[in-house]
Amino acid sequence: MLTRRLRTLVEGRIDDTTEREKRVTLQSALNYALAEDWVVRLAVGYANEEPHFSAKTTSAVLERDWHDTWFVSVFGRYYEDTSEIENGIANDAAAPPLKTYQVGLGVRRKGYRSTIKFDIGPCFSRYDLQPKRNTDFDQLYKDRDWLSLQAAFQYQF
């Protein structure tokens, strides 16, 4: 907590998985209270795994609070990676580099012991073209646009 209105978080992680190189992940978040009922949340992340994998992510949320019960938000997210080559998968069958974008709206109701949340928004995925890729995988790694609807429920005992 840097000030009364500004909170930050920085975290790092090293994952050591059998038969893979170590993956290093760094994440950071910043929450800023613009006014009594308005909050902006920003987050960024980066992951790296040898020999050739890296991923980046960023997100931003603007949220409005009504009496600490109803929360409405607008958000945007971005993710990209360089693709990951698993041991034993031929290079022409591996996933190509990916970029994903999402924007949306959210609503959350916070009760005494439970919270329910809904998010909705379009999501766009874009794969890089791989000239040496096997054409049998063209439908699997095809650019796609879809509508994402997420629901979550939490209950505290």
C-alpha atoms as a PDB file:
ATOM      1  CA  MET A   1       0.000   0.000   0.000  1.00  0.00           C
ATOM      2  CA  LEU A   2       1.809   3.123  -1.219  1.00  0.00           C
ATOM      3  CA  THR A   3      -0.834   5.705  -0.330  1.00  0.00           C
ATOM      4  CA  ARG A   4      -4.415   5.742   0.858  1.00  0.00           C
ATOM      5  CA  ARG A   5      -5.558   5.515  -2.789  1.00  0.00           C
ATOM      6  CA  LEU A   6      -2.762   3.512  -4.405  1.00  0.00           C
ATOM      7  CA  ARG A   7      -1.934  -0.172  -3.919  1.00  0.00           C
ATOM      8  CA  THR A   8       0.640  -2.208  -5.796  1.00  0.00           C
ATOM      9  CA  LEU A   9       1.660  -5.835  -6.012  1.00  0.00           C
ATOM     10  CA  VAL A  10       4.762  -7.367  -7.573  1.00  0.00           C
ATOM     11  CA  GLU A  11       5.282 -11.106  -7.603  1.00  0.00           C
ATOM     12  CA  GLY A  12       7.640 -13.563  -9.195  1.00  0.00           C
ATOM     13  CA  ARG A  13       7.467 -17.295  -9.661  1.00  0.00           C
ATOM     14  CA  ILE A  14       9.728 -20.074 -10.904  1.00  0.00           C
ATOM     15  CA  ASP A  15       8.016 -23.275 -12.081  1.00  0.00           C
ATOM     16  CA  ASP A  16      10.154 -26.388 -12.330  1.00  0.00           C
ATOM     17  CA  THR A  17       8.250 -29.077 -14.266  1.00  0.00           C
ATOM     18  CA  THR A  18       9.573 -32.562 -15.016  1.00  0.00           C
ATOM     19  CA  GLU A  19      11.190 -32.873 -18.466  1.00  0.00           C
ATOM     20  CA  ARG A  20      10.905 -29.136 -19.158  1.00  0.00           C
ATOM     21  CA  GLU A  21      13.045 -26.080 -18.602  1.00  0.00           C
ATOM     22  CA  LYS A  22      12.239 -23.749 -15.708  1.00  0.00           C
ATOM     23  CA  ARG A  23       9.579 -21.134 -16.432  1.00  0.00           C
ATOM     24  CA  VAL A  24      10.098 -17.697 -14.872  1.00  0.00           C
ATOM     25  CA  THR A  25       7.013 -15.506 -14.421  1.00  0.00           C
ATOM     26  CA  LEU A  26       6.785 -11.891 -13.241  1.00  0.00           C
ATOM     27  CA  GLN A  27       3.480 -10.149 -12.542  1.00  0.00           C
ATOM     28  CA  SER A  28       2.611  -6.699 -11.296  1.00  0.00           C
ATOM     29  CA  ALA A  29      -0.649  -4.956 -10.427  1.00  0.00           C
ATOM     30  CA  LEU A  30      -1.623  -1.405  -9.579  1.00  0.00           C
ATOM     31  CA  ASN A  31      -4.985  -0.395  -8.081  1.00  0.00           C
ATOM     32  CA  TYR A  32      -5.815   3.295  -7.915  1.00  0.00           C
ATOM     33  CA  ALA A  33      -8.918   4.847  -6.347  1.00  0.00           C
ATOM     34  CA  LEU A  34      -9.823   7.679  -8.719  1.00  0.00           C
ATOM     35  CA  ALA A  35     -12.629   8.862  -6.442  1.00  0.00           C
ATOM     36  CA  GLU A  36     -14.683   7.472  -3.584  1.00  0.00           C
ATOM     37  CA  ASP A  37     -16.612   5.035  -5.824  1.00  0.00           C
ATOM     38  CA  TRP A  38     -14.271   4.631  -8.840  1.00  0.00           C
ATOM     39  CA  VAL A  39     -11.254   2.305  -9.091  1.00  0.00           C
ATOM     40  CA  VAL A  40      -8.769   1.617 -11.904  1.00  0.00           C
ATOM     41  CA  ARG A  41      -6.892  -1.692 -11.864  1.00  0.00           C
ATOM     42  CA  LEU A  42      -3.904  -2.267 -14.147  1.00  0.00           C
ATOM     43  CA  ALA A  43      -1.953  -5.533 -14.426  1.00  0.00           C
ATOM     44  CA  VAL A  44       0.995  -6.719 -16.515  1.00  0.00           C
ATOM     45  CA  GLY A  45       2.778 -10.044 -16.706  1.00  0.00           C
ATOM     46  CA  TYR A  46       5.671 -11.730 -18.468  1.00  0.00           C
ATOM     47  CA  ALA A  47       6.758 -15.382 -18.647  1.00  0.00           C
ATOM     48  CA  ASN A  48       9.853 -16.958 -20.183  1.00  0.00           C
ATOM     49  CA  GLU A  49      10.857 -20.585 -20.710  1.00  0.00           C
ATOM     50  CA  GLU A  50      13.881 -21.753 -22.629  1.00  0.00           C
ATOM     51  CA  PRO A  51      14.509 -22.474 -25.363  1.00  0.00           C
ATOM     52  CA  HIS A  52      12.035 -20.227 -27.218  1.00  0.00           C
ATOM     53  CA  PHE A  53       8.856 -19.474 -25.245  1.00  0.00           C
ATOM     54  CA  SER A  54       7.791 -16.096 -23.920  1.00  0.00           C
ATOM     55  CA  ALA A  55       4.387 -14.620 -23.115  1.00  0.00           C
ATOM     56  CA  LYS A  56       3.141 -11.122 -22.270  1.00  0.00           C
ATOM     57  CA  THR A  57      -0.175 -10.049 -20.811  1.00  0.00           C
ATOM     58  CA  THR A  58      -1.755  -6.767 -19.793  1.00  0.00           C
ATOM     59  CA  SER A  59      -5.187  -5.766 -18.560  1.00  0.00           C
ATOM     60  CA  ALA A  60      -7.054  -2.670 -17.431  1.00  0.00           C
ATOM     61  CA  VAL A  61     -10.339  -2.379 -15.538  1.00  0.00           C
ATOM     62  CA  LEU A  62     -12.414   0.672 -14.635  1.00  0.00           C
ATOM     63  CA  GLU A  63     -14.957  -0.164 -11.915  1.00  0.00           C
ATOM     64  CA  ARG A  64     -17.793   1.775 -10.274  1.00  0.00           C
ATOM     65  CA  ASP A  65     -19.063   0.847  -6.803  1.00  0.00           C
ATOM     66  CA  TRP A  66     -22.614   1.474  -5.572  1.00  0.00           C
ATOM     67  CA  HIS A  67     -22.825   1.249  -1.761  1.00  0.00           C
ATOM     68  CA  ASP A  68     -20.269  -1.584  -1.558  1.00  0.00           C
ATOM     69  CA  THR A  69     -22.909  -3.958  -2.988  1.00  0.00           C
ATOM     70  CA  TRP A  70     -23.122  -3.485  -6.772  1.00  0.00           C
ATOM     71  CA  PHE A  71     -20.023  -3.093  -8.950  1.00  0.00           C
ATOM     72  CA  VAL A  72     -20.044  -2.375 -12.700  1.00  0.00           C
ATOM     73  CA  SER A  73     -16.878  -2.498 -14.772  1.00  0.00           C
ATOM     74  CA  VAL A  74     -15.467  -2.081 -18.250  1.00  0.00           C
ATOM     75  CA  PHE A  75     -12.289  -3.981 -19.044  1.00  0.00           C
ATOM     76  CA  GLY A  76      -9.718  -4.785 -21.696  1.00  0.00           C
ATOM     77  CA  ARG A  77      -7.184  -7.624 -21.870  1.00  0.00           C
ATOM     78  CA  TYR A  78      -4.290  -8.477 -24.188  1.00  0.00           C
ATOM     79  CA  TYR A  79      -2.183 -11.640 -24.364  1.00  0.00           C
ATOM     80  CA  GLU A  80       0.544 -12.767 -26.729  1.00  0.00           C
ATOM     81  CA  ASP A  81       3.002 -15.629 -26.842  1.00  0.00           C
ATOM     82  CA  THR A  82       5.710 -16.937 -29.144  1.00  0.00           C
ATOM     83  CA  SER A  83       4.235 -20.475 -29.183  1.00  0.00           C
ATOM     84  CA  GLU A  84       5.534 -23.428 -27.301  1.00  0.00           C
ATOM     85  CA  ILE A  85       7.257 -26.425 -28.806  1.00  0.00           C
ATOM     86  CA  GLU A  86       6.666 -29.515 -26.692  1.00  0.00           C
ATOM     87  CA  ASN A  87       9.149 -32.349 -26.790  1.00  0.00           C
ATOM     88  CA  GLY A  88       7.986 -34.902 -29.317  1.00  0.00           C
ATOM     89  CA  ILE A  89       5.754 -32.562 -31.361  1.00  0.00           C
ATOM     90  CA  ALA A  90       6.895 -31.898 -34.893  1.00  0.00           C
ATOM     91  CA  ASN A  91       7.596 -28.245 -35.650  1.00  0.00           C
ATOM     92  CA  ASP A  92       5.038 -28.194 -38.465  1.00  0.00           C
ATOM     93  CA  ALA A  93       2.280 -29.330 -36.048  1.00  0.00           C
ATOM     94  CA  ALA A  94       3.075 -26.958 -33.158  1.00  0.00           C
ATOM     95  CA  ALA A  95       0.926 -23.940 -32.378  1.00  0.00           C
ATOM     96  CA  PRO A  96       2.146 -20.736 -34.039  1.00  0.00           C
ATOM     97  CA  PRO A  97       2.600 -17.472 -32.112  1.00  0.00           C
ATOM     98  CA  LEU A  98      -0.712 -16.128 -30.777  1.00  0.00           C
ATOM     99  CA  LYS A  99      -2.211 -12.728 -29.941  1.00  0.00           C
ATOM    100  CA  THR A 100      -5.546 -12.435 -28.122  1.00  0.00           C
ATOM    101  CA  TYR A 101      -7.595  -9.306 -27.407  1.00  0.00           C
ATOM    102  CA  GLN A 102     -10.727  -8.967 -25.277  1.00  0.00           C
ATOM    103  CA  VAL A 103     -12.942  -6.083 -24.191  1.00  0.00           C
ATOM    104  CA  GLY A 104     -16.069  -6.306 -22.120  1.00  0.00           C
ATOM    105  CA  LEU A 105     -18.451  -5.299 -19.392  1.00  0.00           C
ATOM    106  CA  GLY A 106     -18.870  -6.829 -15.964  1.00  0.00           C
ATOM    107  CA  VAL A 107     -21.337  -6.706 -13.112  1.00  0.00           C
ATOM    108  CA  ARG A 108     -20.802  -8.045  -9.606  1.00  0.00           C
ATOM    109  CA  ARG A 109     -23.058  -8.235  -6.560  1.00  0.00           C
ATOM    110  CA  LYS A 110     -21.411  -8.592  -3.185  1.00  0.00           C
ATOM    111  CA  GLY A 111     -23.549  -9.847  -0.329  1.00  0.00           C
ATOM    112  CA  TYR A 112     -22.755 -10.566   3.315  1.00  0.00           C
ATOM    113  CA  ARG A 113     -21.281 -14.036   2.655  1.00  0.00           C
ATOM    114  CA  SER A 114     -21.541 -14.493  -1.103  1.00  0.00           C
ATOM    115  CA  THR A 115     -20.562 -12.781  -4.332  1.00  0.00           C
ATOM    116  CA  ILE A 116     -21.818 -13.382  -7.858  1.00  0.00           C
ATOM    117  CA  LYS A 117     -20.154 -11.975 -10.967  1.00  0.00           C
ATOM    118  CA  PHE A 118     -20.855 -11.915 -14.716  1.00  0.00           C
ATOM    119  CA  ASP A 119     -18.518 -10.706 -17.507  1.00  0.00           C
ATOM    120  CA  ILE A 120     -19.393 -10.463 -21.184  1.00  0.00           C
ATOM    121  CA  GLY A 121     -17.443  -9.259 -24.187  1.00  0.00           C
ATOM    122  CA  PRO A 122     -15.961 -10.178 -27.553  1.00  0.00           C
ATOM    123  CA  CYS A 123     -12.639 -11.984 -27.739  1.00  0.00           C
ATOM    124  CA  PHE A 124     -10.373 -12.037 -30.791  1.00  0.00           C
ATOM    125  CA  SER A 125      -7.516 -14.492 -31.401  1.00  0.00           C
ATOM    126  CA  ARG A 126      -4.901 -14.055 -34.121  1.00  0.00           C
ATOM    127  CA  TYR A 127      -2.315 -16.683 -35.040  1.00  0.00           C
ATOM    128  CA  ASP A 128       0.826 -15.842 -36.996  1.00  0.00           C
ATOM    129  CA  LEU A 129       1.160 -17.535 -40.339  1.00  0.00           C
ATOM    130  CA  GLN A 130       3.719 -20.326 -40.368  1.00  0.00           C
ATOM    131  CA  PRO A 131       4.899 -21.065 -43.909  1.00  0.00           C
ATOM    132  CA  LYS A 132       6.202 -24.531 -42.988  1.00  0.00           C
ATOM    133  CA  ARG A 133       3.094 -25.568 -41.034  1.00  0.00           C
ATOM    134  CA  ASN A 134       1.270 -28.723 -42.046  1.00  0.00           C
ATOM    135  CA  THR A 135      -2.042 -27.635 -43.673  1.00  0.00           C
ATOM    136  CA  ASP A 136      -3.871 -30.391 -41.766  1.00  0.00           C
ATOM    137  CA  PHE A 137      -3.744 -28.022 -38.761  1.00  0.00           C
ATOM    138  CA  ASP A 138      -5.156 -24.939 -40.527  1.00  0.00           C
ATOM    139  CA  GLN A 139      -8.594 -25.248 -38.866  1.00  0.00           C
ATOM    140  CA  LEU A 140      -7.053 -25.767 -35.428  1.00  0.00           C
ATOM    141  CA  TYR A 141      -4.895 -22.636 -35.611  1.00  0.00           C
ATOM    142  CA  LYS A 142      -7.387 -20.417 -37.448  1.00  0.00           C
ATOM    143  CA  ASP A 143      -8.055 -16.849 -36.299  1.00  0.00           C
ATOM    144  CA  ARG A 144     -11.282 -16.810 -34.306  1.00  0.00           C
ATOM    145  CA  ASP A 145     -13.666 -14.221 -32.906  1.00  0.00           C
ATOM    146  CA  TRP A 146     -16.200 -15.203 -30.284  1.00  0.00           C
ATOM    147  CA  LEU A 147     -18.369 -13.842 -27.502  1.00  0.00           C
ATOM    148  CA  SER A 148     -17.093 -14.707 -24.034  1.00  0.00           C
ATOM    149  CA  LEU A 149     -19.536 -15.001 -21.137  1.00  0.00           C
ATOM    150  CA  GLN A 150     -18.131 -15.784 -17.706  1.00  0.00           C
ATOM    151  CA  ALA A 151     -20.006 -16.375 -14.469  1.00  0.00           C
ATOM    152  CA  ALA A 152     -18.563 -16.887 -11.000  1.00  0.00           C
ATOM    153  CA  PHE A 153     -20.085 -17.520  -7.570  1.00  0.00           C
ATOM    154  CA  GLN A 154     -18.268 -17.354  -4.242  1.00  0.00           C
ATOM    155  CA  TYR A 155     -19.586 -18.288  -0.817  1.00  0.00           C
ATOM    156  CA  GLN A 156     -17.704 -17.786   2.446  1.00  0.00           C
ATOM    157  CA  PHE A 157     -18.369 -20.268   5.238  1.00  0.00           C
END
